[in-house]
């Protein structure tokens, strides 16, 4: 129970203050425990950070799997569009998505390597799902890998834009981008 509270407090503080601006003292204060209790669950702030990061990446991957299951009977373009909507809507992912946006764009320098490994291991499953949907729907089968790269570049770009524009302008951009991407599918 305490470990989960530490994870929740940490993710909120990492979102608000970044990794560098979040101390163990702030985390334990938010949870209402002593610093010594923190060390019963985690070796360091870095250890907690990597645990929270892994949880967030896993949750994103699970979201994609869940969409695929829910829409299994729908056509692949519709499935891909739902995945797109979910990944490009910052509100749908909750705290974990906000945390990932901040940490992926501004990662703590000392954890860049570990973050890439964790992301690569977990993101591979999500990429398989998206790759399959693109391969089933791409006008040009040889372009499927390029379309996967474009898909992720779009999601990453929209993640930044979600913080720069009003919701109305963002939705227009999100829809326009899908229309252009969709034109490469059958």
N, C-alpha and C. Protein backbone atom coordinates (compact mmCIF):
# COMPACT_ATOMS: atom_id res chain seq x y z
N UNK A 1 0.83 -1.20 0.00
CA UNK A 1 0.00 0.00 0.00
C UNK A 1 0.87 1.26 0.00
N UNK A 2 1.87 1.29 0.86
CA UNK A 2 2.76 2.45 0.93
C UNK A 2 3.54 2.60 -0.37
N UNK A 3 3.97 1.48 -0.94
CA UNK A 3 4.72 1.56 -2.21
C UNK A 3 3.86 2.20 -3.29
N UNK A 4 2.60 1.82 -3.38
CA UNK A 4 1.72 2.40 -4.38
C UNK A 4 1.50 3.89 -4.11
N UNK A 5 1.38 4.28 -2.87
CA UNK A 5 1.22 5.70 -2.54
C UNK A 5 2.47 6.48 -2.93
N UNK A 6 3.63 5.88 -2.72
CA UNK A 6 4.88 6.53 -3.12
C UNK A 6 4.93 6.72 -4.64
N UNK A 7 4.50 5.71 -5.38
CA UNK A 7 4.48 5.80 -6.84
C UNK A 7 3.52 6.91 -7.29
N UNK A 8 2.34 6.96 -6.69
CA UNK A 8 1.36 7.99 -7.06
C UNK A 8 1.86 9.39 -6.72
N UNK A 9 2.42 9.55 -5.56
CA UNK A 9 2.95 10.86 -5.17
C UNK A 9 4.09 11.26 -6.09
N UNK A 10 4.95 10.31 -6.39
CA UNK A 10 6.11 10.59 -7.25
C UNK A 10 5.67 11.02 -8.64
N UNK A 11 4.73 10.31 -9.22
CA UNK A 11 4.31 10.66 -10.59
C UNK A 11 3.73 12.08 -10.62
N UNK A 12 2.94 12.42 -9.63
CA UNK A 12 2.36 13.77 -9.57
C UNK A 12 3.45 14.82 -9.42
N UNK A 13 4.41 14.56 -8.57
CA UNK A 13 5.50 15.52 -8.36
C UNK A 13 6.44 15.60 -9.55
N UNK A 14 6.72 14.46 -10.18
CA UNK A 14 7.57 14.47 -11.38
C UNK A 14 6.90 15.26 -12.51
N UNK A 15 5.58 15.15 -12.62
CA UNK A 15 4.86 15.91 -13.64
C UNK A 15 4.98 17.41 -13.34
N UNK A 16 4.77 17.76 -12.09
CA UNK A 16 4.76 19.17 -11.70
C UNK A 16 6.14 19.81 -11.66
N UNK A 17 7.12 19.08 -11.12
CA UNK A 17 8.43 19.68 -10.87
C UNK A 17 9.57 19.07 -11.67
N UNK A 18 9.28 18.02 -12.43
CA UNK A 18 10.35 17.32 -13.13
C UNK A 18 11.12 16.42 -12.18
N UNK A 19 12.02 15.65 -12.74
CA UNK A 19 12.81 14.74 -11.91
C UNK A 19 13.72 15.53 -10.97
N UNK A 20 14.44 16.48 -11.55
CA UNK A 20 15.42 17.23 -10.77
C UNK A 20 14.76 18.06 -9.66
N UNK A 21 13.55 18.55 -9.89
CA UNK A 21 12.86 19.39 -8.92
C UNK A 21 12.07 18.62 -7.87
N UNK A 22 12.13 17.32 -7.93
CA UNK A 22 11.41 16.49 -6.97
C UNK A 22 12.42 15.80 -6.06
N UNK A 23 12.26 16.00 -4.79
CA UNK A 23 13.16 15.36 -3.81
C UNK A 23 12.43 14.23 -3.10
N UNK A 24 13.20 13.37 -2.50
CA UNK A 24 12.61 12.32 -1.67
C UNK A 24 11.80 12.95 -0.55
N UNK A 25 12.32 14.04 0.01
CA UNK A 25 11.62 14.74 1.09
C UNK A 25 10.21 15.17 0.65
N UNK A 26 10.11 15.72 -0.58
CA UNK A 26 8.79 16.13 -1.09
C UNK A 26 7.87 14.92 -1.26
N UNK A 27 8.44 13.83 -1.74
CA UNK A 27 7.62 12.63 -1.98
C UNK A 27 7.08 12.08 -0.66
N UNK A 28 7.95 11.91 0.33
CA UNK A 28 7.50 11.34 1.61
C UNK A 28 6.56 12.29 2.33
N UNK A 29 6.78 13.58 2.16
CA UNK A 29 5.88 14.56 2.78
C UNK A 29 4.48 14.43 2.18
N UNK A 30 4.41 14.26 0.87
CA UNK A 30 3.11 14.12 0.19
C UNK A 30 2.39 12.85 0.65
N UNK A 31 3.15 11.78 0.88
CA UNK A 31 2.56 10.51 1.31
C UNK A 31 2.26 10.53 2.81
N UNK A 32 3.05 11.31 3.57
CA UNK A 32 2.85 11.37 5.01
C UNK A 32 3.60 10.28 5.76
N UNK A 33 4.79 9.94 5.26
CA UNK A 33 5.62 8.94 5.93
C UNK A 33 7.01 9.53 6.17
N UNK A 34 7.82 8.79 6.90
CA UNK A 34 9.21 9.22 7.16
C UNK A 34 10.10 8.78 6.00
N UNK A 35 11.22 9.47 5.91
CA UNK A 35 12.19 9.15 4.87
C UNK A 35 12.68 7.71 5.00
N UNK A 36 12.84 7.24 6.21
CA UNK A 36 13.32 5.87 6.42
C UNK A 36 12.34 4.85 5.85
N UNK A 37 11.05 5.16 5.88
CA UNK A 37 10.04 4.26 5.30
C UNK A 37 10.17 4.20 3.78
N UNK A 38 10.59 5.30 3.19
CA UNK A 38 10.80 5.33 1.74
C UNK A 38 11.80 4.24 1.35
N UNK A 39 12.89 4.16 2.09
CA UNK A 39 13.97 3.22 1.76
C UNK A 39 13.60 1.75 2.00
N UNK A 40 12.49 1.50 2.65
CA UNK A 40 12.00 0.13 2.78
C UNK A 40 11.39 -0.35 1.46
N UNK A 41 11.08 0.60 0.57
CA UNK A 41 10.43 0.27 -0.69
C UNK A 41 11.31 0.53 -1.92
N UNK A 42 12.15 1.56 -1.84
CA UNK A 42 13.00 1.93 -2.97
C UNK A 42 14.40 2.28 -2.48
N UNK A 43 15.40 1.93 -3.29
CA UNK A 43 16.79 2.22 -2.92
C UNK A 43 17.11 3.70 -3.03
N UNK A 44 16.44 4.38 -3.98
CA UNK A 44 16.77 5.78 -4.25
C UNK A 44 15.61 6.42 -5.01
N UNK A 45 15.72 7.74 -5.17
CA UNK A 45 14.74 8.45 -5.99
C UNK A 45 14.80 7.93 -7.43
N UNK A 46 15.99 7.63 -7.91
CA UNK A 46 16.15 7.09 -9.25
C UNK A 46 15.47 5.75 -9.43
N UNK A 47 15.57 4.91 -8.43
CA UNK A 47 14.91 3.61 -8.45
C UNK A 47 13.39 3.79 -8.54
N UNK A 48 12.85 4.71 -7.77
CA UNK A 48 11.42 5.02 -7.81
C UNK A 48 11.05 5.60 -9.18
N UNK A 49 11.86 6.51 -9.68
CA UNK A 49 11.59 7.11 -10.98
C UNK A 49 11.48 6.04 -12.07
N UNK A 50 12.45 5.13 -12.13
CA UNK A 50 12.43 4.09 -13.16
C UNK A 50 11.23 3.16 -13.00
N UNK A 51 10.82 2.89 -11.76
CA UNK A 51 9.63 2.06 -11.53
C UNK A 51 8.38 2.77 -12.04
N UNK A 52 8.26 4.06 -11.77
CA UNK A 52 7.11 4.84 -12.23
C UNK A 52 7.13 4.95 -13.75
N UNK A 53 8.29 5.14 -14.31
CA UNK A 53 8.43 5.24 -15.77
C UNK A 53 8.00 3.93 -16.43
N UNK A 54 8.47 2.82 -15.90
CA UNK A 54 8.11 1.52 -16.47
C UNK A 54 6.60 1.30 -16.37
N UNK A 55 6.01 1.64 -15.24
CA UNK A 55 4.55 1.52 -15.08
C UNK A 55 3.81 2.33 -16.14
N UNK A 56 4.28 3.55 -16.38
CA UNK A 56 3.62 4.45 -17.34
C UNK A 56 3.72 3.91 -18.76
N UNK A 57 4.89 3.41 -19.14
CA UNK A 57 5.06 2.85 -20.49
C UNK A 57 4.20 1.60 -20.65
N UNK A 58 4.15 0.77 -19.62
CA UNK A 58 3.29 -0.43 -19.67
C UNK A 58 1.83 -0.05 -19.83
N UNK A 59 1.40 0.98 -19.12
CA UNK A 59 0.00 1.40 -19.21
C UNK A 59 -0.33 1.89 -20.62
N UNK A 60 0.58 2.61 -21.25
CA UNK A 60 0.36 3.07 -22.63
C UNK A 60 0.22 1.87 -23.57
N UNK A 61 1.09 0.89 -23.39
CA UNK A 61 1.03 -0.31 -24.23
C UNK A 61 -0.28 -1.06 -24.00
N UNK A 62 -0.69 -1.15 -22.75
CA UNK A 62 -1.96 -1.83 -22.42
C UNK A 62 -3.15 -1.11 -23.03
N UNK A 63 -3.10 0.22 -23.09
CA UNK A 63 -4.18 1.00 -23.72
C UNK A 63 -4.36 0.59 -25.17
N UNK A 64 -3.25 0.44 -25.88
CA UNK A 64 -3.31 0.06 -27.29
C UNK A 64 -3.87 -1.35 -27.44
N UNK A 65 -3.42 -2.26 -26.59
CA UNK A 65 -3.93 -3.63 -26.62
C UNK A 65 -5.42 -3.67 -26.34
N UNK A 66 -5.86 -2.87 -25.41
CA UNK A 66 -7.28 -2.82 -25.04
C UNK A 66 -8.13 -2.30 -26.19
N UNK A 67 -7.65 -1.29 -26.88
CA UNK A 67 -8.38 -0.76 -28.04
C UNK A 67 -8.50 -1.85 -29.10
N UNK A 68 -7.41 -2.56 -29.35
CA UNK A 68 -7.44 -3.63 -30.34
C UNK A 68 -8.48 -4.69 -29.96
N UNK A 69 -8.52 -5.07 -28.69
CA UNK A 69 -9.50 -6.07 -28.24
C UNK A 69 -10.93 -5.56 -28.39
N UNK A 70 -11.16 -4.32 -27.97
CA UNK A 70 -12.51 -3.76 -28.02
C UNK A 70 -13.03 -3.62 -29.45
N UNK A 71 -12.13 -3.37 -30.38
CA UNK A 71 -12.53 -3.13 -31.76
C UNK A 71 -12.16 -4.27 -32.70
N UNK A 72 -11.95 -5.44 -32.17
CA UNK A 72 -11.48 -6.58 -32.97
C UNK A 72 -12.35 -6.85 -34.18
N UNK A 73 -13.63 -6.60 -34.08
CA UNK A 73 -14.55 -6.88 -35.18
C UNK A 73 -14.64 -5.74 -36.19
N UNK A 74 -14.07 -4.60 -35.87
CA UNK A 74 -14.12 -3.44 -36.77
C UNK A 74 -13.00 -3.54 -37.80
N UNK A 75 -13.11 -2.73 -38.84
CA UNK A 75 -12.08 -2.78 -39.87
C UNK A 75 -10.78 -2.15 -39.35
N UNK A 76 -9.64 -2.56 -39.91
CA UNK A 76 -8.34 -2.10 -39.41
C UNK A 76 -8.14 -0.58 -39.45
N UNK A 77 -8.74 0.10 -40.43
CA UNK A 77 -8.61 1.56 -40.49
C UNK A 77 -9.28 2.19 -39.28
N UNK A 78 -10.46 1.68 -38.93
CA UNK A 78 -11.17 2.21 -37.76
C UNK A 78 -10.37 1.94 -36.49
N UNK A 79 -9.79 0.75 -36.39
CA UNK A 79 -8.97 0.41 -35.23
C UNK A 79 -7.77 1.36 -35.13
N UNK A 80 -7.12 1.58 -36.26
CA UNK A 80 -5.96 2.47 -36.29
C UNK A 80 -6.37 3.90 -35.92
N UNK A 81 -7.52 4.33 -36.39
CA UNK A 81 -8.00 5.67 -36.05
C UNK A 81 -8.28 5.79 -34.55
N UNK A 82 -8.85 4.76 -33.96
CA UNK A 82 -9.10 4.78 -32.51
C UNK A 82 -7.79 4.83 -31.73
N UNK A 83 -6.82 4.06 -32.16
CA UNK A 83 -5.50 4.10 -31.51
C UNK A 83 -4.93 5.50 -31.64
N UNK A 84 -5.02 6.07 -32.83
CA UNK A 84 -4.55 7.43 -33.09
C UNK A 84 -5.24 8.43 -32.16
N UNK A 85 -6.57 8.37 -32.08
CA UNK A 85 -7.32 9.29 -31.22
C UNK A 85 -6.88 9.17 -29.77
N UNK A 86 -6.71 7.94 -29.32
CA UNK A 86 -6.33 7.72 -27.93
C UNK A 86 -4.92 8.22 -27.64
N UNK A 87 -3.99 7.93 -28.53
CA UNK A 87 -2.61 8.34 -28.29
C UNK A 87 -2.40 9.83 -28.50
N UNK A 88 -3.21 10.45 -29.35
CA UNK A 88 -3.03 11.87 -29.61
C UNK A 88 -3.90 12.76 -28.73
N UNK A 89 -4.71 12.16 -27.87
CA UNK A 89 -5.53 12.93 -26.94
C UNK A 89 -4.89 12.85 -25.55
N UNK A 90 -4.23 13.92 -25.13
CA UNK A 90 -3.51 13.87 -23.86
C UNK A 90 -4.40 13.61 -22.64
N UNK A 91 -5.69 13.87 -22.77
CA UNK A 91 -6.60 13.66 -21.64
C UNK A 91 -6.94 12.18 -21.44
N UNK A 92 -6.83 11.38 -22.48
CA UNK A 92 -7.25 9.98 -22.39
C UNK A 92 -6.27 9.12 -21.61
N UNK A 93 -5.03 9.52 -21.51
CA UNK A 93 -4.03 8.69 -20.86
C UNK A 93 -3.86 8.96 -19.38
N UNK A 94 -4.39 10.05 -18.90
CA UNK A 94 -4.26 10.38 -17.49
C UNK A 94 -2.86 10.80 -17.09
N UNK A 95 -2.56 10.64 -15.82
CA UNK A 95 -1.28 11.08 -15.27
C UNK A 95 -0.10 10.44 -15.97
N UNK A 96 -0.25 9.16 -16.29
CA UNK A 96 0.86 8.45 -16.89
C UNK A 96 1.27 9.07 -18.23
N UNK A 97 0.28 9.48 -19.02
CA UNK A 97 0.59 10.10 -20.30
C UNK A 97 1.28 11.44 -20.09
N UNK A 98 0.79 12.24 -19.17
CA UNK A 98 1.43 13.53 -18.89
C UNK A 98 2.87 13.32 -18.40
N UNK A 99 3.03 12.35 -17.56
CA UNK A 99 4.37 12.01 -17.06
C UNK A 99 5.29 11.61 -18.21
N UNK A 100 4.81 10.72 -19.08
CA UNK A 100 5.63 10.29 -20.22
C UNK A 100 5.97 11.45 -21.14
N UNK A 101 5.01 12.32 -21.42
CA UNK A 101 5.31 13.46 -22.27
C UNK A 101 6.46 14.27 -21.68
N UNK A 102 6.36 14.57 -20.43
CA UNK A 102 7.41 15.39 -19.81
C UNK A 102 8.75 14.66 -19.80
N UNK A 103 8.73 13.41 -19.41
CA UNK A 103 9.99 12.69 -19.24
C UNK A 103 10.62 12.25 -20.56
N UNK A 104 9.80 11.96 -21.56
CA UNK A 104 10.37 11.56 -22.85
C UNK A 104 10.97 12.76 -23.58
N UNK A 105 10.36 13.92 -23.40
CA UNK A 105 10.90 15.11 -24.07
C UNK A 105 12.03 15.75 -23.27
N UNK A 106 12.01 15.60 -21.96
CA UNK A 106 13.04 16.16 -21.10
C UNK A 106 13.49 15.11 -20.08
N UNK A 107 14.14 14.06 -20.56
CA UNK A 107 14.51 12.97 -19.65
C UNK A 107 15.65 13.37 -18.71
N UNK A 108 15.64 12.79 -17.52
CA UNK A 108 16.79 12.98 -16.64
C UNK A 108 18.02 12.39 -17.33
N UNK A 109 19.06 13.15 -17.46
CA UNK A 109 20.24 12.75 -18.22
C UNK A 109 20.78 11.40 -17.76
N UNK A 110 20.80 11.18 -16.47
CA UNK A 110 21.40 9.95 -15.94
C UNK A 110 20.59 8.68 -16.22
N UNK A 111 19.34 8.84 -16.72
CA UNK A 111 18.50 7.67 -16.97
C UNK A 111 18.13 7.50 -18.45
N UNK A 112 18.72 8.30 -19.32
CA UNK A 112 18.36 8.23 -20.75
C UNK A 112 18.52 6.81 -21.30
N UNK A 113 19.63 6.18 -20.99
CA UNK A 113 19.90 4.85 -21.52
C UNK A 113 18.87 3.84 -21.01
N UNK A 114 18.64 3.83 -19.70
CA UNK A 114 17.68 2.89 -19.11
C UNK A 114 16.27 3.14 -19.64
N UNK A 115 15.93 4.42 -19.83
CA UNK A 115 14.60 4.76 -20.34
C UNK A 115 14.41 4.24 -21.76
N UNK A 116 15.44 4.35 -22.59
CA UNK A 116 15.36 3.83 -23.96
C UNK A 116 15.16 2.32 -23.96
N UNK A 117 15.87 1.63 -23.07
CA UNK A 117 15.75 0.17 -23.00
C UNK A 117 14.34 -0.21 -22.57
N UNK A 118 13.85 0.39 -21.51
CA UNK A 118 12.49 0.10 -21.01
C UNK A 118 11.46 0.41 -22.08
N UNK A 119 11.57 1.58 -22.70
CA UNK A 119 10.62 1.98 -23.73
C UNK A 119 10.66 1.00 -24.90
N UNK A 120 11.84 0.63 -25.32
CA UNK A 120 11.99 -0.29 -26.45
C UNK A 120 11.39 -1.65 -26.18
N UNK A 121 11.58 -2.16 -24.96
CA UNK A 121 11.05 -3.48 -24.60
C UNK A 121 9.53 -3.48 -24.59
N UNK A 122 8.95 -2.46 -24.00
CA UNK A 122 7.50 -2.44 -23.81
C UNK A 122 6.79 -1.91 -25.06
N UNK A 123 7.36 -0.90 -25.69
CA UNK A 123 6.75 -0.28 -26.85
C UNK A 123 6.70 -1.24 -28.03
N UNK A 124 7.55 -2.24 -28.03
CA UNK A 124 7.57 -3.21 -29.13
C UNK A 124 6.24 -3.89 -29.36
N UNK A 125 5.53 -4.23 -28.28
CA UNK A 125 4.22 -4.87 -28.40
C UNK A 125 3.22 -3.92 -29.05
N UNK A 126 3.20 -2.68 -28.59
CA UNK A 126 2.29 -1.69 -29.17
C UNK A 126 2.61 -1.47 -30.64
N UNK A 127 3.88 -1.40 -30.97
CA UNK A 127 4.29 -1.20 -32.36
C UNK A 127 3.85 -2.36 -33.25
N UNK A 128 3.88 -3.57 -32.71
CA UNK A 128 3.42 -4.72 -33.49
C UNK A 128 1.95 -4.57 -33.87
N UNK A 129 1.15 -4.10 -32.92
CA UNK A 129 -0.28 -3.91 -33.18
C UNK A 129 -0.47 -2.84 -34.25
N UNK A 130 0.18 -1.70 -34.07
CA UNK A 130 0.04 -0.59 -35.01
C UNK A 130 0.60 -0.99 -36.38
N UNK A 131 1.76 -1.64 -36.37
CA UNK A 131 2.39 -2.10 -37.63
C UNK A 131 1.42 -3.01 -38.40
N UNK A 132 0.77 -3.92 -37.68
CA UNK A 132 -0.16 -4.86 -38.32
C UNK A 132 -1.34 -4.10 -38.95
N UNK A 133 -1.88 -3.12 -38.23
CA UNK A 133 -3.02 -2.35 -38.76
C UNK A 133 -2.59 -1.54 -39.98
N UNK A 134 -1.42 -0.98 -39.94
CA UNK A 134 -0.93 -0.21 -41.09
C UNK A 134 -0.69 -1.14 -42.28
N UNK A 135 -0.06 -2.28 -42.03
CA UNK A 135 0.21 -3.24 -43.11
C UNK A 135 -1.08 -3.72 -43.77
N UNK A 136 -2.13 -3.87 -42.97
CA UNK A 136 -3.42 -4.32 -43.51
C UNK A 136 -4.11 -3.24 -44.34
N UNK A 137 -3.72 -2.00 -44.14
CA UNK A 137 -4.48 -0.90 -44.76
C UNK A 137 -3.66 0.00 -45.68
N UNK A 138 -2.36 -0.12 -45.68
CA UNK A 138 -1.52 0.78 -46.49
C UNK A 138 -1.77 0.56 -47.97
N UNK A 139 -1.84 1.64 -48.72
CA UNK A 139 -2.00 1.55 -50.18
C UNK A 139 -0.79 0.88 -50.80
N UNK A 140 0.36 1.17 -50.23
CA UNK A 140 1.62 0.63 -50.74
C UNK A 140 2.25 -0.21 -49.62
N UNK A 141 2.23 -1.52 -49.76
CA UNK A 141 2.74 -2.42 -48.72
C UNK A 141 4.19 -2.13 -48.38
N UNK A 142 4.98 -1.68 -49.35
CA UNK A 142 6.38 -1.37 -49.10
C UNK A 142 6.54 -0.14 -48.21
N UNK A 143 5.51 0.68 -48.14
CA UNK A 143 5.57 1.92 -47.36
C UNK A 143 5.13 1.73 -45.92
N UNK A 144 4.73 0.53 -45.53
CA UNK A 144 4.17 0.31 -44.19
C UNK A 144 5.14 0.72 -43.08
N UNK A 145 6.41 0.38 -43.20
CA UNK A 145 7.37 0.76 -42.15
C UNK A 145 7.53 2.27 -42.07
N UNK A 146 7.53 2.92 -43.23
CA UNK A 146 7.62 4.38 -43.23
C UNK A 146 6.38 4.99 -42.60
N UNK A 147 5.22 4.42 -42.88
CA UNK A 147 3.98 4.93 -42.28
C UNK A 147 3.97 4.73 -40.76
N UNK A 148 4.56 3.64 -40.28
CA UNK A 148 4.68 3.45 -38.83
C UNK A 148 5.53 4.56 -38.23
N UNK A 149 6.65 4.88 -38.87
CA UNK A 149 7.51 5.96 -38.39
C UNK A 149 6.76 7.29 -38.42
N UNK A 150 6.01 7.53 -39.48
CA UNK A 150 5.23 8.76 -39.59
C UNK A 150 4.17 8.80 -38.49
N UNK A 151 3.52 7.68 -38.26
CA UNK A 151 2.48 7.60 -37.22
C UNK A 151 3.05 8.05 -35.87
N UNK A 152 4.20 7.50 -35.50
CA UNK A 152 4.81 7.88 -34.22
C UNK A 152 5.28 9.33 -34.21
N UNK A 153 5.80 9.81 -35.32
CA UNK A 153 6.22 11.21 -35.39
C UNK A 153 5.03 12.14 -35.22
N UNK A 154 3.90 11.75 -35.80
CA UNK A 154 2.68 12.54 -35.64
C UNK A 154 2.25 12.57 -34.18
N UNK A 155 2.22 11.42 -33.55
CA UNK A 155 1.81 11.34 -32.13
C UNK A 155 2.73 12.22 -31.27
N UNK A 156 4.03 12.11 -31.51
CA UNK A 156 4.98 12.92 -30.72
C UNK A 156 4.80 14.40 -30.98
N UNK A 157 4.60 14.77 -32.24
CA UNK A 157 4.38 16.19 -32.56
C UNK A 157 3.11 16.72 -31.94
N UNK A 158 2.05 15.93 -31.99
CA UNK A 158 0.79 16.35 -31.39
C UNK A 158 0.90 16.46 -29.87
N UNK A 159 1.74 15.63 -29.28
CA UNK A 159 1.94 15.73 -27.82
C UNK A 159 2.46 17.11 -27.45
N UNK A 160 3.38 17.62 -28.24
CA UNK A 160 3.90 18.97 -27.99
C UNK A 160 2.82 20.01 -28.28
N UNK A 161 2.14 19.85 -29.40
CA UNK A 161 1.11 20.83 -29.78
C UNK A 161 -0.03 20.90 -28.78
N UNK A 162 -0.31 19.80 -28.10
CA UNK A 162 -1.40 19.81 -27.11
C UNK A 162 -1.14 20.82 -26.00
N UNK A 163 0.11 21.19 -25.81
CA UNK A 163 0.47 22.17 -24.77
C UNK A 163 0.58 23.59 -25.33
N UNK A 164 0.54 23.73 -26.64
CA UNK A 164 0.78 25.04 -27.26
C UNK A 164 -0.47 25.74 -27.76
N UNK A 165 -1.52 24.96 -28.04
CA UNK A 165 -2.70 25.53 -28.68
C UNK A 165 -3.93 25.36 -27.81
N UNK A 166 -4.94 26.17 -28.12
CA UNK A 166 -6.22 26.00 -27.43
C UNK A 166 -6.76 24.62 -27.81
N UNK A 167 -7.69 24.13 -27.04
CA UNK A 167 -8.26 22.82 -27.33
C UNK A 167 -8.91 22.81 -28.71
N UNK A 168 -9.60 23.88 -29.05
CA UNK A 168 -10.27 23.96 -30.35
C UNK A 168 -9.25 23.89 -31.50
N UNK A 169 -8.18 24.65 -31.42
CA UNK A 169 -7.15 24.63 -32.46
C UNK A 169 -6.45 23.28 -32.51
N UNK A 170 -6.22 22.72 -31.33
CA UNK A 170 -5.56 21.42 -31.28
C UNK A 170 -6.41 20.34 -31.97
N UNK A 171 -7.70 20.33 -31.71
CA UNK A 171 -8.59 19.34 -32.32
C UNK A 171 -8.60 19.50 -33.84
N UNK A 172 -8.60 20.74 -34.33
CA UNK A 172 -8.51 20.97 -35.78
C UNK A 172 -7.23 20.36 -36.35
N UNK A 173 -6.12 20.58 -35.67
CA UNK A 173 -4.84 20.05 -36.13
C UNK A 173 -4.84 18.51 -36.08
N UNK A 174 -5.37 17.99 -34.99
CA UNK A 174 -5.44 16.53 -34.83
C UNK A 174 -6.25 15.91 -35.97
N UNK A 175 -7.38 16.51 -36.31
CA UNK A 175 -8.22 16.01 -37.39
C UNK A 175 -7.55 16.17 -38.76
N UNK A 176 -6.90 17.31 -38.97
CA UNK A 176 -6.22 17.55 -40.24
C UNK A 176 -5.10 16.54 -40.46
N UNK A 177 -4.35 16.28 -39.42
CA UNK A 177 -3.25 15.32 -39.53
C UNK A 177 -3.79 13.93 -39.84
N UNK A 178 -4.87 13.54 -39.17
CA UNK A 178 -5.44 12.22 -39.46
C UNK A 178 -5.89 12.14 -40.92
N UNK A 179 -6.50 13.20 -41.43
CA UNK A 179 -6.97 13.20 -42.81
C UNK A 179 -5.82 12.97 -43.78
N UNK A 180 -4.70 13.62 -43.55
CA UNK A 180 -3.53 13.44 -44.41
C UNK A 180 -2.98 12.04 -44.26
N UNK A 181 -2.85 11.57 -43.01
CA UNK A 181 -2.33 10.22 -42.79
C UNK A 181 -3.26 9.18 -43.42
N UNK A 182 -4.56 9.36 -43.23
CA UNK A 182 -5.57 8.43 -43.73
C UNK A 182 -5.52 8.31 -45.25
N UNK A 183 -5.11 9.38 -45.93
CA UNK A 183 -5.04 9.34 -47.39
C UNK A 183 -4.01 8.34 -47.90
N UNK A 184 -3.15 7.86 -47.04
CA UNK A 184 -2.16 6.83 -47.42
C UNK A 184 -2.64 5.42 -47.14
N UNK A 185 -3.86 5.30 -46.65
CA UNK A 185 -4.44 4.00 -46.35
C UNK A 185 -5.54 3.70 -47.36
N UNK A 186 -5.90 2.43 -47.45
CA UNK A 186 -6.94 2.03 -48.41
C UNK A 186 -8.31 2.48 -47.95
